[in-house]
Amino acid sequence: MWAYLSLGLGMGFNAGISPGPLLALVIAASLRSGLAGGLLVAVSPLVTDLPIIALSVLLVGSLPPEATRWVATLGGLVVVWMGVETIRSGRKAVLPGEGEVQAEPRREFWRGTAVNALNPHPYLFWATVGGPALVSGWRESPLHALAFLVSFYILLIGSKAAIAWLVSRQAGGLSLTWYRRVLQGSGLLMLAFGIWLVWQAWAG
């Protein structure tokens, strides 16, 4: 179970701080509407990801073991690629969302829902990485699948909520230097997890 827990924590943290449409919106919403707006965007994946997860699990669960192994391998390679790209982008990453005008916090949730629903990253992640990990964990024990899912969303939402809090404070805000360091460290973590996923697909 600890392997799935660690996998969920690592992937959730990376997804939470990696540059992308939702993170940009979290920062922009925090500047526009304060902490409440940023938090509402941060929790929006809880709504949009449910049908994506269900579809991915049904698809992966219906595949024969050999096909699942290749899907899991593809997922591991995708994570390796994401890790490399995160390390590269972290060198020149910038904080988006500066200079936005104020908006009502409640509107930010629906903006977050729309952005996440139209973002290809959740679909790619759950089809190639998250879905196979859930199915693999479930076959070992339902607790393993639950550990992966819960830890993933705790870190996904928690890291975005922390960024929203830092941005909303404005005084000091986010240090660009440290943001880049954390981003590159997260990329290294993703690289390690991707290699582990490929190894697990063929070792089991």
N, C-alpha and C. Protein backbone atom coordinates (compact mmCIF):
# COMPACT_ATOMS: atom_id res chain seq x y z
N MET A 1 0.82 -1.21 0.00
CA MET A 1 0.00 0.00 0.00
C MET A 1 0.86 1.26 0.00
N TRP A 2 2.04 1.19 0.65
CA TRP A 2 2.88 2.39 0.73
C TRP A 2 3.35 2.84 -0.64
N ALA A 3 3.54 1.90 -1.54
CA ALA A 3 3.97 2.27 -2.89
C ALA A 3 2.90 3.09 -3.59
N TYR A 4 1.64 2.68 -3.46
CA TYR A 4 0.54 3.42 -4.09
C TYR A 4 0.30 4.76 -3.39
N LEU A 5 0.48 4.77 -2.08
CA LEU A 5 0.35 6.03 -1.33
C LEU A 5 1.41 7.02 -1.78
N SER A 6 2.65 6.55 -1.88
CA SER A 6 3.75 7.42 -2.32
C SER A 6 3.55 7.89 -3.76
N LEU A 7 3.08 6.97 -4.60
CA LEU A 7 2.82 7.32 -6.00
C LEU A 7 1.77 8.42 -6.10
N GLY A 8 0.70 8.27 -5.35
CA GLY A 8 -0.36 9.28 -5.35
C GLY A 8 0.12 10.62 -4.83
N LEU A 9 0.90 10.60 -3.75
CA LEU A 9 1.43 11.84 -3.19
C LEU A 9 2.35 12.55 -4.18
N GLY A 10 3.25 11.79 -4.79
CA GLY A 10 4.19 12.40 -5.74
C GLY A 10 3.51 12.97 -6.96
N MET A 11 2.59 12.20 -7.53
CA MET A 11 1.89 12.66 -8.73
C MET A 11 0.95 13.82 -8.41
N GLY A 12 0.30 13.75 -7.27
CA GLY A 12 -0.60 14.83 -6.87
C GLY A 12 0.14 16.13 -6.66
N PHE A 13 1.31 16.04 -6.02
CA PHE A 13 2.11 17.24 -5.79
C PHE A 13 2.59 17.83 -7.10
N ASN A 14 3.07 16.98 -7.99
CA ASN A 14 3.53 17.46 -9.29
C ASN A 14 2.40 18.12 -10.08
N ALA A 15 1.23 17.45 -10.10
CA ALA A 15 0.09 18.01 -10.82
C ALA A 15 -0.36 19.32 -10.20
N GLY A 16 -0.18 19.45 -8.89
CA GLY A 16 -0.62 20.65 -8.20
C GLY A 16 0.21 21.88 -8.50
N ILE A 17 1.54 21.69 -8.67
CA ILE A 17 2.41 22.86 -8.84
C ILE A 17 2.91 23.05 -10.27
N SER A 18 2.65 22.07 -11.15
CA SER A 18 3.15 22.20 -12.52
C SER A 18 2.42 23.29 -13.29
N PRO A 19 3.13 24.01 -14.16
CA PRO A 19 2.48 25.04 -14.97
C PRO A 19 1.40 24.44 -15.85
N GLY A 20 0.31 25.12 -15.97
CA GLY A 20 -0.80 24.65 -16.78
C GLY A 20 -1.98 25.59 -16.64
N PRO A 21 -3.03 25.35 -17.40
CA PRO A 21 -4.20 26.24 -17.36
C PRO A 21 -4.81 26.39 -15.97
N LEU A 22 -4.92 25.28 -15.23
CA LEU A 22 -5.59 25.35 -13.93
C LEU A 22 -4.74 26.10 -12.91
N LEU A 23 -3.43 25.87 -12.91
CA LEU A 23 -2.57 26.60 -11.98
C LEU A 23 -2.59 28.09 -12.30
N ALA A 24 -2.55 28.42 -13.58
CA ALA A 24 -2.63 29.83 -13.98
C ALA A 24 -3.92 30.46 -13.48
N LEU A 25 -5.01 29.69 -13.56
CA LEU A 25 -6.30 30.21 -13.10
C LEU A 25 -6.34 30.33 -11.58
N VAL A 26 -5.72 29.39 -10.87
CA VAL A 26 -5.65 29.48 -9.40
C VAL A 26 -4.97 30.78 -8.99
N ILE A 27 -3.84 31.08 -9.64
CA ILE A 27 -3.09 32.29 -9.31
C ILE A 27 -3.88 33.53 -9.70
N ALA A 28 -4.44 33.51 -10.90
CA ALA A 28 -5.22 34.67 -11.36
C ALA A 28 -6.44 34.89 -10.48
N ALA A 29 -7.12 33.81 -10.11
CA ALA A 29 -8.31 33.93 -9.26
C ALA A 29 -7.95 34.44 -7.88
N SER A 30 -6.79 34.03 -7.36
CA SER A 30 -6.34 34.50 -6.05
C SER A 30 -6.05 35.99 -6.08
N LEU A 31 -5.52 36.47 -7.21
CA LEU A 31 -5.26 37.90 -7.35
C LEU A 31 -6.54 38.68 -7.59
N ARG A 32 -7.47 38.07 -8.33
CA ARG A 32 -8.73 38.75 -8.65
C ARG A 32 -9.67 38.77 -7.46
N SER A 33 -9.80 37.61 -6.79
CA SER A 33 -10.87 37.43 -5.81
C SER A 33 -10.39 37.05 -4.42
N GLY A 34 -9.09 37.06 -4.20
CA GLY A 34 -8.57 36.70 -2.90
C GLY A 34 -8.49 35.19 -2.70
N LEU A 35 -8.24 34.79 -1.46
CA LEU A 35 -8.06 33.38 -1.14
C LEU A 35 -9.27 32.54 -1.51
N ALA A 36 -10.48 33.06 -1.28
CA ALA A 36 -11.69 32.29 -1.58
C ALA A 36 -11.76 31.91 -3.05
N GLY A 37 -11.44 32.84 -3.93
CA GLY A 37 -11.48 32.55 -5.36
C GLY A 37 -10.47 31.50 -5.75
N GLY A 38 -9.25 31.60 -5.21
CA GLY A 38 -8.22 30.61 -5.52
C GLY A 38 -8.57 29.22 -5.02
N LEU A 39 -9.16 29.15 -3.82
CA LEU A 39 -9.54 27.85 -3.26
C LEU A 39 -10.65 27.20 -4.07
N LEU A 40 -11.60 28.00 -4.54
CA LEU A 40 -12.70 27.44 -5.34
C LEU A 40 -12.19 26.84 -6.65
N VAL A 41 -11.20 27.48 -7.23
CA VAL A 41 -10.60 26.91 -8.45
C VAL A 41 -9.83 25.64 -8.10
N ALA A 42 -9.14 25.65 -6.97
CA ALA A 42 -8.31 24.50 -6.57
C ALA A 42 -9.13 23.22 -6.39
N VAL A 43 -10.37 23.36 -5.92
CA VAL A 43 -11.19 22.16 -5.66
C VAL A 43 -12.01 21.74 -6.88
N SER A 44 -11.98 22.50 -7.96
CA SER A 44 -12.80 22.18 -9.13
C SER A 44 -12.52 20.80 -9.74
N PRO A 45 -11.29 20.25 -9.66
CA PRO A 45 -11.08 18.90 -10.21
C PRO A 45 -11.93 17.82 -9.54
N LEU A 46 -12.38 18.04 -8.32
CA LEU A 46 -13.23 17.05 -7.66
C LEU A 46 -14.53 16.84 -8.42
N VAL A 47 -14.96 17.86 -9.17
CA VAL A 47 -16.19 17.75 -9.95
C VAL A 47 -15.89 17.21 -11.35
N THR A 48 -14.90 17.79 -12.01
CA THR A 48 -14.66 17.44 -13.41
C THR A 48 -13.98 16.08 -13.60
N ASP A 49 -13.21 15.64 -12.62
CA ASP A 49 -12.44 14.40 -12.81
C ASP A 49 -13.24 13.13 -12.61
N LEU A 50 -14.37 13.19 -11.92
CA LEU A 50 -15.14 11.97 -11.62
C LEU A 50 -15.52 11.18 -12.87
N PRO A 51 -16.16 11.80 -13.88
CA PRO A 51 -16.50 11.02 -15.08
C PRO A 51 -15.27 10.56 -15.84
N ILE A 52 -14.19 11.35 -15.81
CA ILE A 52 -12.96 10.95 -16.49
C ILE A 52 -12.37 9.71 -15.85
N ILE A 53 -12.35 9.67 -14.51
CA ILE A 53 -11.82 8.52 -13.78
C ILE A 53 -12.66 7.28 -14.06
N ALA A 54 -13.98 7.44 -13.99
CA ALA A 54 -14.88 6.29 -14.20
C ALA A 54 -14.68 5.68 -15.58
N LEU A 55 -14.61 6.54 -16.60
CA LEU A 55 -14.42 6.06 -17.97
C LEU A 55 -13.07 5.37 -18.13
N SER A 56 -12.03 5.95 -17.54
CA SER A 56 -10.69 5.38 -17.67
C SER A 56 -10.60 4.03 -16.99
N VAL A 57 -11.19 3.91 -15.79
CA VAL A 57 -11.14 2.64 -15.05
C VAL A 57 -11.92 1.56 -15.78
N LEU A 58 -13.08 1.91 -16.33
CA LEU A 58 -13.87 0.93 -17.08
C LEU A 58 -13.12 0.45 -18.32
N LEU A 59 -12.47 1.39 -19.00
CA LEU A 59 -11.72 1.04 -20.20
C LEU A 59 -10.54 0.14 -19.88
N VAL A 60 -9.75 0.56 -18.88
CA VAL A 60 -8.56 -0.21 -18.52
C VAL A 60 -8.94 -1.55 -17.91
N GLY A 61 -10.02 -1.57 -17.09
CA GLY A 61 -10.43 -2.80 -16.44
C GLY A 61 -10.92 -3.86 -17.41
N SER A 62 -11.35 -3.46 -18.60
CA SER A 62 -11.86 -4.43 -19.58
C SER A 62 -10.76 -4.99 -20.48
N LEU A 63 -9.56 -4.46 -20.35
CA LEU A 63 -8.45 -4.92 -21.19
C LEU A 63 -7.82 -6.19 -20.62
N PRO A 64 -7.30 -7.07 -21.47
CA PRO A 64 -6.57 -8.25 -20.99
C PRO A 64 -5.28 -7.82 -20.30
N PRO A 65 -4.73 -8.68 -19.42
CA PRO A 65 -3.52 -8.32 -18.66
C PRO A 65 -2.36 -7.83 -19.52
N GLU A 66 -2.14 -8.47 -20.68
CA GLU A 66 -1.01 -8.07 -21.53
C GLU A 66 -1.20 -6.66 -22.07
N ALA A 67 -2.44 -6.34 -22.46
CA ALA A 67 -2.72 -4.99 -22.96
C ALA A 67 -2.58 -3.96 -21.83
N THR A 68 -3.05 -4.33 -20.63
CA THR A 68 -2.93 -3.44 -19.48
C THR A 68 -1.47 -3.14 -19.18
N ARG A 69 -0.62 -4.17 -19.35
CA ARG A 69 0.82 -3.99 -19.11
C ARG A 69 1.40 -2.96 -20.07
N TRP A 70 0.99 -3.01 -21.33
CA TRP A 70 1.50 -2.04 -22.30
C TRP A 70 0.95 -0.64 -22.06
N VAL A 71 -0.32 -0.57 -21.62
CA VAL A 71 -0.89 0.73 -21.27
C VAL A 71 -0.15 1.33 -20.09
N ALA A 72 0.15 0.49 -19.08
CA ALA A 72 0.89 0.96 -17.91
C ALA A 72 2.30 1.41 -18.30
N THR A 73 2.91 0.70 -19.25
CA THR A 73 4.23 1.09 -19.74
C THR A 73 4.17 2.45 -20.43
N LEU A 74 3.14 2.62 -21.26
CA LEU A 74 2.94 3.91 -21.91
C LEU A 74 2.75 5.01 -20.88
N GLY A 75 1.96 4.70 -19.83
CA GLY A 75 1.74 5.67 -18.77
C GLY A 75 3.04 6.05 -18.07
N GLY A 76 3.89 5.05 -17.80
CA GLY A 76 5.17 5.34 -17.17
C GLY A 76 6.04 6.23 -18.04
N LEU A 77 6.04 5.96 -19.34
CA LEU A 77 6.82 6.79 -20.27
C LEU A 77 6.26 8.21 -20.35
N VAL A 78 4.94 8.33 -20.27
CA VAL A 78 4.32 9.66 -20.25
C VAL A 78 4.78 10.43 -19.01
N VAL A 79 4.82 9.74 -17.86
CA VAL A 79 5.26 10.39 -16.62
C VAL A 79 6.73 10.80 -16.73
N VAL A 80 7.56 9.93 -17.33
CA VAL A 80 8.97 10.29 -17.55
C VAL A 80 9.05 11.55 -18.40
N TRP A 81 8.27 11.58 -19.48
CA TRP A 81 8.26 12.76 -20.36
C TRP A 81 7.79 14.01 -19.60
N MET A 82 6.73 13.85 -18.78
CA MET A 82 6.24 14.97 -18.00
C MET A 82 7.30 15.47 -17.03
N GLY A 83 8.05 14.53 -16.43
CA GLY A 83 9.11 14.91 -15.51
C GLY A 83 10.21 15.70 -16.20
N VAL A 84 10.63 15.23 -17.37
CA VAL A 84 11.66 15.93 -18.14
C VAL A 84 11.18 17.32 -18.54
N GLU A 85 9.94 17.40 -19.02
CA GLU A 85 9.39 18.69 -19.43
C GLU A 85 9.25 19.64 -18.24
N THR A 86 8.89 19.09 -17.07
CA THR A 86 8.76 19.92 -15.88
C THR A 86 10.11 20.48 -15.46
N ILE A 87 11.15 19.65 -15.53
CA ILE A 87 12.50 20.11 -15.20
C ILE A 87 12.93 21.21 -16.16
N ARG A 88 12.68 21.01 -17.45
CA ARG A 88 13.07 22.00 -18.46
C ARG A 88 12.29 23.30 -18.29
N SER A 89 10.97 23.19 -18.12
CA SER A 89 10.16 24.40 -17.99
C SER A 89 10.43 25.12 -16.68
N GLY A 90 10.86 24.36 -15.66
CA GLY A 90 11.13 24.96 -14.36
C GLY A 90 12.28 25.94 -14.38
N ARG A 91 13.18 25.79 -15.34
CA ARG A 91 14.33 26.70 -15.43
C ARG A 91 13.92 28.13 -15.77
N LYS A 92 12.84 28.25 -16.56
CA LYS A 92 12.41 29.58 -16.99
C LYS A 92 10.95 29.86 -16.62
N ALA A 93 10.43 29.12 -15.64
CA ALA A 93 9.03 29.28 -15.26
C ALA A 93 8.77 30.68 -14.71
N VAL A 94 7.59 31.21 -15.02
CA VAL A 94 7.16 32.50 -14.50
C VAL A 94 5.81 32.33 -13.83
N LEU A 95 5.49 33.25 -12.97
CA LEU A 95 4.21 33.21 -12.27
C LEU A 95 3.17 33.98 -13.07
N PRO A 96 2.15 33.29 -13.60
CA PRO A 96 1.13 33.97 -14.40
C PRO A 96 0.09 34.66 -13.54
N GLY A 97 -0.74 35.45 -14.18
CA GLY A 97 -1.92 35.99 -13.51
C GLY A 97 -1.77 37.36 -12.91
N GLU A 98 -0.60 38.03 -13.07
CA GLU A 98 -0.43 39.34 -12.46
C GLU A 98 -1.24 40.39 -13.21
N GLY A 99 -1.77 41.36 -12.44
CA GLY A 99 -2.48 42.47 -13.05
C GLY A 99 -3.92 42.21 -13.38
N GLU A 100 -4.53 41.12 -12.86
CA GLU A 100 -5.94 40.84 -13.16
C GLU A 100 -6.84 41.74 -12.31
N VAL A 101 -8.04 42.02 -12.81
CA VAL A 101 -9.00 42.82 -12.06
C VAL A 101 -9.82 41.91 -11.16
N GLN A 102 -10.46 42.53 -10.15
CA GLN A 102 -11.22 41.74 -9.18
C GLN A 102 -12.46 41.12 -9.79
N ALA A 103 -12.84 39.98 -9.26
CA ALA A 103 -14.05 39.29 -9.69
C ALA A 103 -14.68 38.62 -8.48
N GLU A 104 -15.94 38.24 -8.61
CA GLU A 104 -16.64 37.59 -7.51
C GLU A 104 -16.11 36.17 -7.34
N PRO A 105 -15.78 35.75 -6.08
CA PRO A 105 -15.19 34.43 -5.86
C PRO A 105 -16.01 33.27 -6.41
N ARG A 106 -17.35 33.34 -6.29
CA ARG A 106 -18.16 32.20 -6.72
C ARG A 106 -18.02 31.90 -8.21
N ARG A 107 -17.75 32.92 -8.99
CA ARG A 107 -17.59 32.71 -10.43
C ARG A 107 -16.31 31.94 -10.75
N GLU A 108 -15.34 32.02 -9.85
CA GLU A 108 -14.06 31.36 -10.10
C GLU A 108 -14.21 29.84 -10.15
N PHE A 109 -15.13 29.29 -9.34
CA PHE A 109 -15.32 27.84 -9.34
C PHE A 109 -15.75 27.35 -10.71
N TRP A 110 -16.69 28.05 -11.32
CA TRP A 110 -17.19 27.63 -12.64
C TRP A 110 -16.14 27.86 -13.72
N ARG A 111 -15.33 28.86 -13.55
CA ARG A 111 -14.21 29.05 -14.47
C ARG A 111 -13.24 27.87 -14.36
N GLY A 112 -12.95 27.48 -13.11
CA GLY A 112 -12.06 26.35 -12.89
C GLY A 112 -12.62 25.07 -13.47
N THR A 113 -13.93 24.86 -13.31
CA THR A 113 -14.58 23.67 -13.85
C THR A 113 -14.48 23.63 -15.37
N ALA A 114 -14.73 24.76 -16.00
CA ALA A 114 -14.67 24.83 -17.46
C ALA A 114 -13.25 24.60 -17.97
N VAL A 115 -12.28 25.25 -17.32
CA VAL A 115 -10.89 25.11 -17.74
C VAL A 115 -10.42 23.66 -17.61
N ASN A 116 -10.75 23.02 -16.48
CA ASN A 116 -10.30 21.65 -16.25
C ASN A 116 -11.00 20.66 -17.18
N ALA A 117 -12.27 20.90 -17.46
CA ALA A 117 -13.02 20.00 -18.35
C ALA A 117 -12.48 20.05 -19.78
N LEU A 118 -11.96 21.20 -20.18
CA LEU A 118 -11.44 21.36 -21.54
C LEU A 118 -9.93 21.12 -21.63
N ASN A 119 -9.31 20.87 -20.49
CA ASN A 119 -7.87 20.65 -20.44
C ASN A 119 -7.55 19.20 -20.80
N PRO A 120 -6.71 18.93 -21.78
CA PRO A 120 -6.42 17.54 -22.16
C PRO A 120 -5.60 16.77 -21.14
N HIS A 121 -4.91 17.46 -20.23
CA HIS A 121 -4.02 16.78 -19.29
C HIS A 121 -4.73 15.77 -18.39
N PRO A 122 -5.90 16.10 -17.78
CA PRO A 122 -6.57 15.08 -16.95
C PRO A 122 -6.95 13.83 -17.73
N TYR A 123 -7.40 14.03 -18.98
CA TYR A 123 -7.78 12.88 -19.80
C TYR A 123 -6.56 12.00 -20.10
N LEU A 124 -5.45 12.64 -20.45
CA LEU A 124 -4.23 11.90 -20.74
C LEU A 124 -3.72 11.18 -19.50
N PHE A 125 -3.76 11.89 -18.36
CA PHE A 125 -3.25 11.29 -17.12
C PHE A 125 -4.06 10.07 -16.71
N TRP A 126 -5.39 10.20 -16.66
CA TRP A 126 -6.21 9.10 -16.17
C TRP A 126 -6.31 7.95 -17.16
N ALA A 127 -6.16 8.24 -18.45
CA ALA A 127 -6.21 7.17 -19.44
C ALA A 127 -4.92 6.35 -19.47
N THR A 128 -3.78 7.01 -19.22
CA THR A 128 -2.50 6.32 -19.37
C THR A 128 -1.78 6.02 -18.06
N VAL A 129 -2.05 6.80 -17.01
CA VAL A 129 -1.33 6.63 -15.75
C VAL A 129 -2.27 6.32 -14.59
N GLY A 130 -3.19 7.25 -14.32
CA GLY A 130 -4.07 7.09 -13.17
C GLY A 130 -4.97 5.88 -13.24
N GLY A 131 -5.59 5.66 -14.41
CA GLY A 131 -6.49 4.51 -14.57
C GLY A 131 -5.79 3.18 -14.36
N PRO A 132 -4.66 2.93 -15.06
CA PRO A 132 -3.93 1.69 -14.83
C PRO A 132 -3.46 1.52 -13.39
N ALA A 133 -3.04 2.63 -12.74
CA ALA A 133 -2.60 2.54 -11.34
C ALA A 133 -3.76 2.15 -10.43
N LEU A 134 -4.93 2.74 -10.67
CA LEU A 134 -6.11 2.39 -9.88
C LEU A 134 -6.50 0.93 -10.05
N VAL A 135 -6.52 0.48 -11.30
CA VAL A 135 -6.90 -0.91 -11.58
C VAL A 135 -5.89 -1.88 -10.97
N SER A 136 -4.60 -1.55 -11.13
CA SER A 136 -3.55 -2.40 -10.56
C SER A 136 -3.66 -2.47 -9.05
N GLY A 137 -3.90 -1.32 -8.42
CA GLY A 137 -4.06 -1.29 -6.97
C GLY A 137 -5.29 -2.05 -6.52
N TRP A 138 -6.39 -1.91 -7.25
CA TRP A 138 -7.63 -2.59 -6.89
C TRP A 138 -7.48 -4.10 -6.96
N ARG A 139 -6.73 -4.57 -7.95
CA ARG A 139 -6.52 -6.01 -8.10
C ARG A 139 -5.72 -6.59 -6.93
N GLU A 140 -4.87 -5.76 -6.34
CA GLU A 140 -4.13 -6.20 -5.16
C GLU A 140 -4.98 -6.08 -3.90
N SER A 141 -5.63 -4.92 -3.76
CA SER A 141 -6.52 -4.66 -2.62
C SER A 141 -7.23 -3.33 -2.88
N PRO A 142 -8.54 -3.25 -2.59
CA PRO A 142 -9.24 -1.97 -2.74
C PRO A 142 -8.60 -0.84 -1.94
N LEU A 143 -7.96 -1.19 -0.82
CA LEU A 143 -7.29 -0.17 -0.01
C LEU A 143 -6.12 0.46 -0.75
N HIS A 144 -5.46 -0.32 -1.59
CA HIS A 144 -4.34 0.22 -2.37
C HIS A 144 -4.84 1.27 -3.37
N ALA A 145 -5.93 0.96 -4.04
CA ALA A 145 -6.52 1.90 -5.00
C ALA A 145 -7.00 3.16 -4.28
N LEU A 146 -7.61 2.97 -3.11
CA LEU A 146 -8.10 4.11 -2.33
C LEU A 146 -6.94 4.98 -1.85
N ALA A 147 -5.85 4.34 -1.43
CA ALA A 147 -4.67 5.08 -0.97
C ALA A 147 -4.12 5.95 -2.09
N PHE A 148 -4.05 5.40 -3.30
CA PHE A 148 -3.55 6.17 -4.44
C PHE A 148 -4.47 7.35 -4.74
N LEU A 149 -5.78 7.10 -4.81
CA LEU A 149 -6.74 8.12 -5.19
C LEU A 149 -6.80 9.26 -4.17
N VAL A 150 -6.90 8.90 -2.89
CA VAL A 150 -7.02 9.91 -1.84
C VAL A 150 -5.74 10.73 -1.72
N SER A 151 -4.59 10.06 -1.71
CA SER A 151 -3.33 10.79 -1.58
C SER A 151 -3.09 11.71 -2.78
N PHE A 152 -3.49 11.26 -3.96
CA PHE A 152 -3.33 12.09 -5.16
C PHE A 152 -4.11 13.40 -5.02
N TYR A 153 -5.37 13.31 -4.62
CA TYR A 153 -6.20 14.51 -4.55
C TYR A 153 -5.87 15.39 -3.35
N ILE A 154 -5.38 14.79 -2.26
CA ILE A 154 -4.95 15.60 -1.13
C ILE A 154 -3.81 16.52 -1.54
N LEU A 155 -2.84 15.97 -2.27
CA LEU A 155 -1.70 16.79 -2.69
C LEU A 155 -2.04 17.69 -3.88
N LEU A 156 -2.88 17.21 -4.79
CA LEU A 156 -3.28 18.04 -5.93
C LEU A 156 -3.98 19.30 -5.46
N ILE A 157 -4.99 19.11 -4.62
CA ILE A 157 -5.77 20.25 -4.13
C ILE A 157 -4.99 21.03 -3.08
N GLY A 158 -4.28 20.31 -2.21
CA GLY A 158 -3.54 20.97 -1.14
C GLY A 158 -2.45 21.89 -1.66
N SER A 159 -1.71 21.44 -2.66
CA SER A 159 -0.63 22.28 -3.20
C SER A 159 -1.19 23.50 -3.92
N LYS A 160 -2.28 23.32 -4.65
CA LYS A 160 -2.90 24.47 -5.32
C LYS A 160 -3.50 25.43 -4.29
N ALA A 161 -4.07 24.88 -3.22
CA ALA A 161 -4.61 25.73 -2.15
C ALA A 161 -3.49 26.52 -1.48
N ALA A 162 -2.33 25.89 -1.28
CA ALA A 162 -1.20 26.59 -0.68
C ALA A 162 -0.71 27.72 -1.57
N ILE A 163 -0.68 27.47 -2.88
CA ILE A 163 -0.28 28.52 -3.82
C ILE A 163 -1.29 29.66 -3.80
N ALA A 164 -2.58 29.31 -3.73
CA ALA A 164 -3.62 30.34 -3.65
C ALA A 164 -3.44 31.20 -2.40
N TRP A 165 -3.11 30.55 -1.29
CA TRP A 165 -2.90 31.28 -0.04
C TRP A 165 -1.71 32.22 -0.15
N LEU A 166 -0.60 31.73 -0.72
CA LEU A 166 0.60 32.55 -0.86
C LEU A 166 0.35 33.75 -1.78
N VAL A 167 -0.33 33.49 -2.89
CA VAL A 167 -0.59 34.58 -3.84
C VAL A 167 -1.53 35.61 -3.23
N SER A 168 -2.56 35.14 -2.52
CA SER A 168 -3.54 36.06 -1.94
C SER A 168 -2.93 36.97 -0.88
N ARG A 169 -1.85 36.51 -0.26
CA ARG A 169 -1.19 37.35 0.74
C ARG A 169 -0.49 38.54 0.10
N GLN A 170 -0.04 38.36 -1.13
CA GLN A 170 0.61 39.42 -1.91
C GLN A 170 1.91 39.92 -1.27
N ALA A 171 1.91 40.20 0.01
CA ALA A 171 3.13 40.67 0.66
C ALA A 171 4.12 39.50 0.69
N GLY A 172 5.15 39.59 -0.08
CA GLY A 172 6.10 38.48 -0.18
C GLY A 172 5.68 37.55 -1.30
N GLY A 173 4.39 37.16 -1.28
CA GLY A 173 3.85 36.29 -2.32
C GLY A 173 4.70 35.05 -2.54
N LEU A 174 4.74 34.61 -3.78
CA LEU A 174 5.55 33.46 -4.18
C LEU A 174 6.93 33.93 -4.64
N SER A 175 7.95 33.33 -4.10
CA SER A 175 9.30 33.60 -4.56
C SER A 175 9.52 32.84 -5.87
N LEU A 176 9.85 33.57 -6.91
CA LEU A 176 10.06 32.95 -8.22
C LEU A 176 11.21 31.95 -8.17
N THR A 177 12.27 32.30 -7.44
CA THR A 177 13.43 31.40 -7.34
C THR A 177 13.04 30.08 -6.71
N TRP A 178 12.32 30.16 -5.59
CA TRP A 178 11.92 28.93 -4.91
C TRP A 178 10.87 28.18 -5.70
N TYR A 179 10.00 28.88 -6.39
CA TYR A 179 9.01 28.21 -7.23
C TYR A 179 9.71 27.37 -8.29
N ARG A 180 10.73 27.93 -8.91
CA ARG A 180 11.47 27.19 -9.93
C ARG A 180 12.19 25.98 -9.33
N ARG A 181 12.76 26.15 -8.14
CA ARG A 181 13.46 25.04 -7.49
C ARG A 181 12.50 23.90 -7.15
N VAL A 182 11.36 24.26 -6.59
CA VAL A 182 10.37 23.23 -6.24
C VAL A 182 9.86 22.54 -7.49
N LEU A 183 9.66 23.33 -8.55
CA LEU A 183 9.17 22.78 -9.81
C LEU A 183 10.16 21.76 -10.38
N GLN A 184 11.45 22.11 -10.38
CA GLN A 184 12.45 21.19 -10.90
C GLN A 184 12.59 19.95 -10.02
N GLY A 185 12.48 20.13 -8.70
CA GLY A 185 12.50 18.99 -7.80
C GLY A 185 11.33 18.06 -8.04
N SER A 186 10.19 18.65 -8.32
CA SER A 186 9.01 17.85 -8.63
C SER A 186 9.20 17.09 -9.93
N GLY A 187 9.88 17.72 -10.89
CA GLY A 187 10.17 17.04 -12.16
C GLY A 187 11.06 15.82 -11.95
N LEU A 188 12.06 15.95 -11.09
CA LEU A 188 12.92 14.81 -10.77
C LEU A 188 12.12 13.69 -10.11
N LEU A 189 11.18 14.08 -9.25
CA LEU A 189 10.33 13.10 -8.58
C LEU A 189 9.47 12.37 -9.61
N MET A 190 8.92 13.11 -10.57
CA MET A 190 8.10 12.49 -11.61
C MET A 190 8.94 11.54 -12.47
N LEU A 191 10.16 11.93 -12.75
CA LEU A 191 11.06 11.07 -13.52
C LEU A 191 11.26 9.73 -12.82
N ALA A 192 11.49 9.79 -11.51
CA ALA A 192 11.68 8.57 -10.72
C ALA A 192 10.42 7.72 -10.71
N PHE A 193 9.26 8.36 -10.53
CA PHE A 193 8.01 7.62 -10.50
C PHE A 193 7.70 6.99 -11.86
N GLY A 194 8.04 7.68 -12.94
CA GLY A 194 7.82 7.12 -14.27
C GLY A 194 8.62 5.86 -14.50
N ILE A 195 9.89 5.89 -14.08
CA ILE A 195 10.74 4.70 -14.19
C ILE A 195 10.18 3.57 -13.34
N TRP A 196 9.69 3.91 -12.15
CA TRP A 196 9.10 2.89 -11.26
C TRP A 196 7.87 2.26 -11.89
N LEU A 197 7.05 3.07 -12.56
CA LEU A 197 5.84 2.55 -13.19
C LEU A 197 6.17 1.56 -14.31
N VAL A 198 7.18 1.89 -15.11
CA VAL A 198 7.59 0.98 -16.18
C VAL A 198 8.12 -0.32 -15.58
N TRP A 199 8.93 -0.20 -14.54
CA TRP A 199 9.48 -1.39 -13.88
C TRP A 199 8.37 -2.26 -13.31
N GLN A 200 7.37 -1.61 -12.65
CA GLN A 200 6.28 -2.36 -12.04
C GLN A 200 5.45 -3.09 -13.10
N ALA A 201 5.27 -2.46 -14.26
CA ALA A 201 4.46 -3.07 -15.32
C ALA A 201 5.05 -4.40 -15.78
N TRP A 202 6.36 -4.51 -15.77
CA TRP A 202 7.01 -5.72 -16.29
C TRP A 202 7.51 -6.64 -15.19
N ALA A 203 7.66 -6.11 -13.98
CA ALA A 203 8.12 -6.96 -12.87
C ALA A 203 6.98 -7.81 -12.32
N GLY A 204 5.73 -7.28 -12.45
CA GLY A 204 4.57 -8.00 -11.91
C GLY A 204 4.06 -9.03 -12.86
